[in-house]
Amino acid sequence: QPVEIQIDLGGVERSSSAAIALLLDWVAQAGRAGIELRFAHWPEALRRIAIFSNVDGLLGLETDRHG
């Protein structure tokens, strides 16, 4: 069974495409190590950038539409 780690994004105050790129890199690195990352409490601005960039599925937003 893979290890799962949840990261709380609730304290994120600034959102950008660079932040999305960082989260994607974390997901990729964790996946290579057999770890599944889950992100909770998405700030709305960061959520919008992920959806607009069409990477919401890669970041688990398709199962976490409410934060």
PDB file of N, CA and C in Angstrom:
ATOM      1  N   GLN A   1       0.843  -1.178   0.000  1.00  0.00           N
ATOM      2  CA  GLN A   1       0.000   0.000   0.000  1.00  0.00           C
ATOM      3  C   GLN A   1       0.889   1.243   0.000  1.00  0.00           C
ATOM      4  N   PRO A   2       0.624   2.184  -0.911  1.00  0.00           N
ATOM      5  CA  PRO A   2       1.474   3.371  -0.974  1.00  0.00           C
ATOM      6  C   PRO A   2       1.277   4.281   0.232  1.00  0.00           C
ATOM      7  N   VAL A   3       2.321   4.995   0.546  1.00  0.00           N
ATOM      8  CA  VAL A   3       2.264   5.992   1.612  1.00  0.00           C
ATOM      9  C   VAL A   3       1.513   7.203   1.078  1.00  0.00           C
ATOM     10  N   GLU A   4       0.644   7.765   1.887  1.00  0.00           N
ATOM     11  CA  GLU A   4      -0.086   8.973   1.504  1.00  0.00           C
ATOM     12  C   GLU A   4       0.288  10.106   2.446  1.00  0.00           C
ATOM     13  N   ILE A   5       0.537  11.262   1.856  1.00  0.00           N
ATOM     14  CA  ILE A   5       0.851  12.457   2.635  1.00  0.00           C
ATOM     15  C   ILE A   5      -0.110  13.549   2.205  1.00  0.00           C
ATOM     16  N   GLN A   6      -0.713  14.221   3.177  1.00  0.00           N
ATOM     17  CA  GLN A   6      -1.605  15.338   2.871  1.00  0.00           C
ATOM     18  C   GLN A   6      -0.900  16.641   3.208  1.00  0.00           C
ATOM     19  N   ILE A   7      -0.955  17.575   2.286  1.00  0.00           N
ATOM     20  CA  ILE A   7      -0.348  18.893   2.474  1.00  0.00           C
ATOM     21  C   ILE A   7      -1.471  19.919   2.526  1.00  0.00           C
ATOM     22  N   ASP A   8      -1.494  20.705   3.586  1.00  0.00           N
ATOM     23  CA  ASP A   8      -2.518  21.728   3.790  1.00  0.00           C
ATOM     24  C   ASP A   8      -2.069  23.019   3.114  1.00  0.00           C
ATOM     25  N   LEU A   9      -2.838  23.447   2.122  1.00  0.00           N
ATOM     26  CA  LEU A   9      -2.507  24.668   1.387  1.00  0.00           C
ATOM     27  C   LEU A   9      -3.233  25.888   1.949  1.00  0.00           C
ATOM     28  N   GLY A  10      -3.912  25.711   3.052  1.00  0.00           N
ATOM     29  CA  GLY A  10      -4.723  26.780   3.620  1.00  0.00           C
ATOM     30  C   GLY A  10      -3.955  28.042   3.981  1.00  0.00           C
ATOM     31  N   GLY A  11      -2.682  27.929   4.258  1.00  0.00           N
ATOM     32  CA  GLY A  11      -1.893  29.100   4.624  1.00  0.00           C
ATOM     33  C   GLY A  11      -1.259  29.825   3.453  1.00  0.00           C
ATOM     34  N   VAL A  12      -1.489  29.316   2.236  1.00  0.00           N
ATOM     35  CA  VAL A  12      -0.905  29.948   1.052  1.00  0.00           C
ATOM     36  C   VAL A  12      -1.596  31.283   0.809  1.00  0.00           C
ATOM     37  N   GLU A  13      -0.815  32.342   0.744  1.00  0.00           N
ATOM     38  CA  GLU A  13      -1.376  33.685   0.579  1.00  0.00           C
ATOM     39  C   GLU A  13      -1.222  34.230  -0.835  1.00  0.00           C
ATOM     40  N   ARG A  14      -0.269  33.715  -1.595  1.00  0.00           N
ATOM     41  CA  ARG A  14      -0.048  34.193  -2.964  1.00  0.00           C
ATOM     42  C   ARG A  14      -0.062  32.993  -3.897  1.00  0.00           C
ATOM     43  N   SER A  15      -0.738  33.153  -5.003  1.00  0.00           N
ATOM     44  CA  SER A  15      -0.877  32.063  -5.970  1.00  0.00           C
ATOM     45  C   SER A  15      -0.301  32.478  -7.303  1.00  0.00           C
ATOM     46  N   SER A  16       0.361  31.534  -7.967  1.00  0.00           N
ATOM     47  CA  SER A  16       0.924  31.813  -9.279  1.00  0.00           C
ATOM     48  C   SER A  16       1.115  30.506 -10.026  1.00  0.00           C
ATOM     49  N   SER A  17       1.420  30.629 -11.304  1.00  0.00           N
ATOM     50  CA  SER A  17       1.706  29.426 -12.085  1.00  0.00           C
ATOM     51  C   SER A  17       2.984  28.760 -11.584  1.00  0.00           C
ATOM     52  N   ALA A  18       3.888  29.524 -10.998  1.00  0.00           N
ATOM     53  CA  ALA A  18       5.109  28.935 -10.433  1.00  0.00           C
ATOM     54  C   ALA A  18       4.762  28.020  -9.259  1.00  0.00           C
ATOM     55  N   ALA A  19       3.773  28.398  -8.471  1.00  0.00           N
ATOM     56  CA  ALA A  19       3.337  27.546  -7.361  1.00  0.00           C
ATOM     57  C   ALA A  19       2.761  26.239  -7.894  1.00  0.00           C
ATOM     58  N   ILE A  20       1.989  26.329  -8.966  1.00  0.00           N
ATOM     59  CA  ILE A  20       1.425  25.119  -9.580  1.00  0.00           C
ATOM     60  C   ILE A  20       2.550  24.222 -10.091  1.00  0.00           C
ATOM     61  N   ALA A  21       3.556  24.815 -10.714  1.00  0.00           N
ATOM     62  CA  ALA A  21       4.696  24.033 -11.212  1.00  0.00           C
ATOM     63  C   ALA A  21       5.407  23.330 -10.052  1.00  0.00           C
ATOM     64  N   LEU A  22       5.540  24.008  -8.924  1.00  0.00           N
ATOM     65  CA  LEU A  22       6.173  23.407  -7.756  1.00  0.00           C
ATOM     66  C   LEU A  22       5.361  22.219  -7.246  1.00  0.00           C
ATOM     67  N   LEU A  23       4.036  22.387  -7.152  1.00  0.00           N
ATOM     68  CA  LEU A  23       3.183  21.286  -6.691  1.00  0.00           C
ATOM     69  C   LEU A  23       3.276  20.092  -7.637  1.00  0.00           C
ATOM     70  N   LEU A  24       3.298  20.361  -8.943  1.00  0.00           N
ATOM     71  CA  LEU A  24       3.429  19.276  -9.923  1.00  0.00           C
ATOM     72  C   LEU A  24       4.758  18.551  -9.752  1.00  0.00           C
ATOM     73  N   ASP A  25       5.823  19.295  -9.485  1.00  0.00           N
ATOM     74  CA  ASP A  25       7.128  18.678  -9.271  1.00  0.00           C
ATOM     75  C   ASP A  25       7.111  17.810  -8.015  1.00  0.00           C
ATOM     76  N   TRP A  26       6.477  18.301  -6.954  1.00  0.00           N
ATOM     77  CA  TRP A  26       6.360  17.508  -5.730  1.00  0.00           C
ATOM     78  C   TRP A  26       5.620  16.199  -5.997  1.00  0.00           C
ATOM     79  N   VAL A  27       4.508  16.291  -6.755  1.00  0.00           N
ATOM     80  CA  VAL A  27       3.717  15.092  -7.073  1.00  0.00           C
ATOM     81  C   VAL A  27       4.573  14.092  -7.846  1.00  0.00           C
ATOM     82  N   ALA A  28       5.332  14.579  -8.821  1.00  0.00           N
ATOM     83  CA  ALA A  28       6.170  13.690  -9.629  1.00  0.00           C
ATOM     84  C   ALA A  28       7.260  13.034  -8.777  1.00  0.00           C
ATOM     85  N   GLN A  29       7.939  13.825  -7.973  1.00  0.00           N
ATOM     86  CA  GLN A  29       9.004  13.275  -7.123  1.00  0.00           C
ATOM     87  C   GLN A  29       8.443  12.280  -6.109  1.00  0.00           C
ATOM     88  N   ALA A  30       7.319  12.614  -5.515  1.00  0.00           N
ATOM     89  CA  ALA A  30       6.706  11.710  -4.545  1.00  0.00           C
ATOM     90  C   ALA A  30       6.283  10.413  -5.218  1.00  0.00           C
ATOM     91  N   GLY A  31       5.715  10.522  -6.403  1.00  0.00           N
ATOM     92  CA  GLY A  31       5.281   9.333  -7.131  1.00  0.00           C
ATOM     93  C   GLY A  31       6.433   8.382  -7.405  1.00  0.00           C
ATOM     94  N   ARG A  32       7.577   8.937  -7.762  1.00  0.00           N
ATOM     95  CA  ARG A  32       8.753   8.097  -8.011  1.00  0.00           C
ATOM     96  C   ARG A  32       9.205   7.380  -6.743  1.00  0.00           C
ATOM     97  N   ALA A  33       8.899   7.961  -5.587  1.00  0.00           N
ATOM     98  CA  ALA A  33       9.279   7.359  -4.307  1.00  0.00           C
ATOM     99  C   ALA A  33       8.165   6.495  -3.724  1.00  0.00           C
ATOM    100  N   GLY A  34       7.071   6.331  -4.480  1.00  0.00           N
ATOM    101  CA  GLY A  34       5.966   5.512  -3.997  1.00  0.00           C
ATOM    102  C   GLY A  34       5.075   6.213  -2.990  1.00  0.00           C
ATOM    103  N   ILE A  35       5.081   7.532  -3.021  1.00  0.00           N
ATOM    104  CA  ILE A  35       4.281   8.332  -2.093  1.00  0.00           C
ATOM    105  C   ILE A  35       3.187   9.042  -2.876  1.00  0.00           C
ATOM    106  N   GLU A  36       1.976   9.038  -2.335  1.00  0.00           N
ATOM    107  CA  GLU A  36       0.874   9.751  -2.964  1.00  0.00           C
ATOM    108  C   GLU A  36       0.618  11.030  -2.191  1.00  0.00           C
ATOM    109  N   LEU A  37       0.739  12.169  -2.870  1.00  0.00           N
ATOM    110  CA  LEU A  37       0.473  13.456  -2.228  1.00  0.00           C
ATOM    111  C   LEU A  37      -0.974  13.848  -2.446  1.00  0.00           C
ATOM    112  N   ARG A  38      -1.564  14.390  -1.412  1.00  0.00           N
ATOM    113  CA  ARG A  38      -2.905  14.957  -1.499  1.00  0.00           C
ATOM    114  C   ARG A  38      -2.825  16.368  -0.941  1.00  0.00           C
ATOM    115  N   PHE A  39      -3.515  17.273  -1.591  1.00  0.00           N
ATOM    116  CA  PHE A  39      -3.508  18.667  -1.161  1.00  0.00           C
ATOM    117  C   PHE A  39      -4.889  19.030  -0.638  1.00  0.00           C
ATOM    118  N   ALA A  40      -4.925  19.711   0.500  1.00  0.00           N
ATOM    119  CA  ALA A  40      -6.184  20.110   1.130  1.00  0.00           C
ATOM    120  C   ALA A  40      -6.242  21.621   1.259  1.00  0.00           C
ATOM    121  N   HIS A  41      -7.462  22.131   1.375  1.00  0.00           N
ATOM    122  CA  HIS A  41      -7.723  23.554   1.639  1.00  0.00           C
ATOM    123  C   HIS A  41      -7.105  24.463   0.583  1.00  0.00           C
ATOM    124  N   TRP A  42      -7.414  24.160  -0.661  1.00  0.00           N
ATOM    125  CA  TRP A  42      -6.898  24.947  -1.783  1.00  0.00           C
ATOM    126  C   TRP A  42      -7.389  26.390  -1.716  1.00  0.00           C
ATOM    127  N   PRO A  43      -6.502  27.384  -1.788  1.00  0.00           N
ATOM    128  CA  PRO A  43      -6.949  28.768  -1.966  1.00  0.00           C
ATOM    129  C   PRO A  43      -7.625  28.888  -3.332  1.00  0.00           C
ATOM    130  N   GLU A  44      -8.685  29.668  -3.405  1.00  0.00           N
ATOM    131  CA  GLU A  44      -9.460  29.750  -4.645  1.00  0.00           C
ATOM    132  C   GLU A  44      -8.604  30.196  -5.834  1.00  0.00           C
ATOM    133  N   ALA A  45      -7.706  31.144  -5.629  1.00  0.00           N
ATOM    134  CA  ALA A  45      -6.875  31.620  -6.742  1.00  0.00           C
ATOM    135  C   ALA A  45      -5.972  30.499  -7.270  1.00  0.00           C
ATOM    136  N   LEU A  46      -5.415  29.710  -6.387  1.00  0.00           N
ATOM    137  CA  LEU A  46      -4.545  28.610  -6.803  1.00  0.00           C
ATOM    138  C   LEU A  46      -5.360  27.538  -7.523  1.00  0.00           C
ATOM    139  N   ARG A  47      -6.560  27.285  -7.023  1.00  0.00           N
ATOM    140  CA  ARG A  47      -7.468  26.329  -7.660  1.00  0.00           C
ATOM    141  C   ARG A  47      -7.783  26.770  -9.101  1.00  0.00           C
ATOM    142  N   ARG A  48      -8.083  28.056  -9.270  1.00  0.00           N
ATOM    143  CA  ARG A  48      -8.414  28.572 -10.615  1.00  0.00           C
ATOM    144  C   ARG A  48      -7.236  28.420 -11.575  1.00  0.00           C
ATOM    145  N   ILE A  49      -6.026  28.698 -11.099  1.00  0.00           N
ATOM    146  CA  ILE A  49      -4.843  28.558 -11.956  1.00  0.00           C
ATOM    147  C   ILE A  49      -4.665  27.100 -12.377  1.00  0.00           C
ATOM    148  N   ALA A  50      -4.845  26.179 -11.449  1.00  0.00           N
ATOM    149  CA  ALA A  50      -4.692  24.754 -11.770  1.00  0.00           C
ATOM    150  C   ALA A  50      -5.722  24.312 -12.797  1.00  0.00           C
ATOM    151  N   ILE A  51      -6.956  24.745 -12.627  1.00  0.00           N
ATOM    152  CA  ILE A  51      -8.018  24.370 -13.565  1.00  0.00           C
ATOM    153  C   ILE A  51      -7.760  25.001 -14.928  1.00  0.00           C
ATOM    154  N   PHE A  52      -7.414  26.286 -14.950  1.00  0.00           N
ATOM    155  CA  PHE A  52      -7.139  26.975 -16.208  1.00  0.00           C
ATOM    156  C   PHE A  52      -5.964  26.334 -16.941  1.00  0.00           C
ATOM    157  N   SER A  53      -4.969  25.861 -16.179  1.00  0.00           N
ATOM    158  CA  SER A  53      -3.782  25.234 -16.762  1.00  0.00           C
ATOM    159  C   SER A  53      -4.017  23.775 -17.139  1.00  0.00           C
ATOM    160  N   ASN A  54      -5.219  23.288 -16.847  1.00  0.00           N
ATOM    161  CA  ASN A  54      -5.601  21.913 -17.177  1.00  0.00           C
ATOM    162  C   ASN A  54      -4.729  20.878 -16.471  1.00  0.00           C
ATOM    163  N   VAL A  55      -4.306  21.180 -15.245  1.00  0.00           N
ATOM    164  CA  VAL A  55      -3.534  20.224 -14.451  1.00  0.00           C
ATOM    165  C   VAL A  55      -4.275  19.866 -13.163  1.00  0.00           C
ATOM    166  N   ASP A  56      -5.552  20.261 -13.087  1.00  0.00           N
ATOM    167  CA  ASP A  56      -6.333  19.984 -11.881  1.00  0.00           C
ATOM    168  C   ASP A  56      -6.399  18.488 -11.589  1.00  0.00           C
ATOM    169  N   GLY A  57      -6.528  17.658 -12.610  1.00  0.00           N
ATOM    170  CA  GLY A  57      -6.567  16.212 -12.406  1.00  0.00           C
ATOM    171  C   GLY A  57      -5.256  15.672 -11.874  1.00  0.00           C
ATOM    172  N   LEU A  58      -4.153  16.199 -12.369  1.00  0.00           N
ATOM    173  CA  LEU A  58      -2.835  15.755 -11.905  1.00  0.00           C
ATOM    174  C   LEU A  58      -2.598  16.118 -10.441  1.00  0.00           C
ATOM    175  N   LEU A  59      -3.260  17.167  -9.999  1.00  0.00           N
ATOM    176  CA  LEU A  59      -3.080  17.630  -8.619  1.00  0.00           C
ATOM    177  C   LEU A  59      -4.202  17.155  -7.696  1.00  0.00           C
ATOM    178  N   GLY A  60      -5.084  16.319  -8.202  1.00  0.00           N
ATOM    179  CA  GLY A  60      -6.139  15.741  -7.367  1.00  0.00           C
ATOM    180  C   GLY A  60      -7.355  16.618  -7.182  1.00  0.00           C
ATOM    181  N   LEU A  61      -7.483  17.674  -7.948  1.00  0.00           N
ATOM    182  CA  LEU A  61      -8.635  18.548  -7.796  1.00  0.00           C
ATOM    183  C   LEU A  61      -9.933  17.920  -8.283  1.00  0.00           C
ATOM    184  N   GLU A  62      -9.867  16.931  -9.164  1.00  0.00           N
ATOM    185  CA  GLU A  62     -11.100  16.336  -9.670  1.00  0.00           C
ATOM    186  C   GLU A  62     -11.858  15.611  -8.567  1.00  0.00           C
ATOM    187  N   THR A  63     -11.181  15.240  -7.486  1.00  0.00           N
ATOM    188  CA  THR A  63     -11.853  14.569  -6.373  1.00  0.00           C
ATOM    189  C   THR A  63     -11.986  15.485  -5.177  1.00  0.00           C
ATOM    190  N   ASP A  64     -11.542  16.733  -5.299  1.00  0.00           N
ATOM    191  CA  ASP A  64     -11.541  17.654  -4.162  1.00  0.00           C
ATOM    192  C   ASP A  64     -12.004  19.029  -4.633  1.00  0.00           C
ATOM    193  N   ARG A  65     -13.210  19.126  -5.108  1.00  0.00           N
ATOM    194  CA  ARG A  65     -13.725  20.390  -5.637  1.00  0.00           C
ATOM    195  C   ARG A  65     -14.102  21.393  -4.553  1.00  0.00           C
ATOM    196  N   HIS A  66     -14.166  20.966  -3.306  1.00  0.00           N
ATOM    197  CA  HIS A  66     -14.642  21.864  -2.253  1.00  0.00           C
ATOM    198  C   HIS A  66     -13.575  22.241  -1.249  1.00  0.00           C
ATOM    199  N   GLY A  67     -12.313  22.095  -1.608  1.00  0.00           N
ATOM    200  CA  GLY A  67     -11.262  22.560  -0.720  1.00  0.00           C
ATOM    201  C   GLY A  67     -10.512  21.434  -0.107  1.00  0.00           C
TER     202      GLY A  67
END
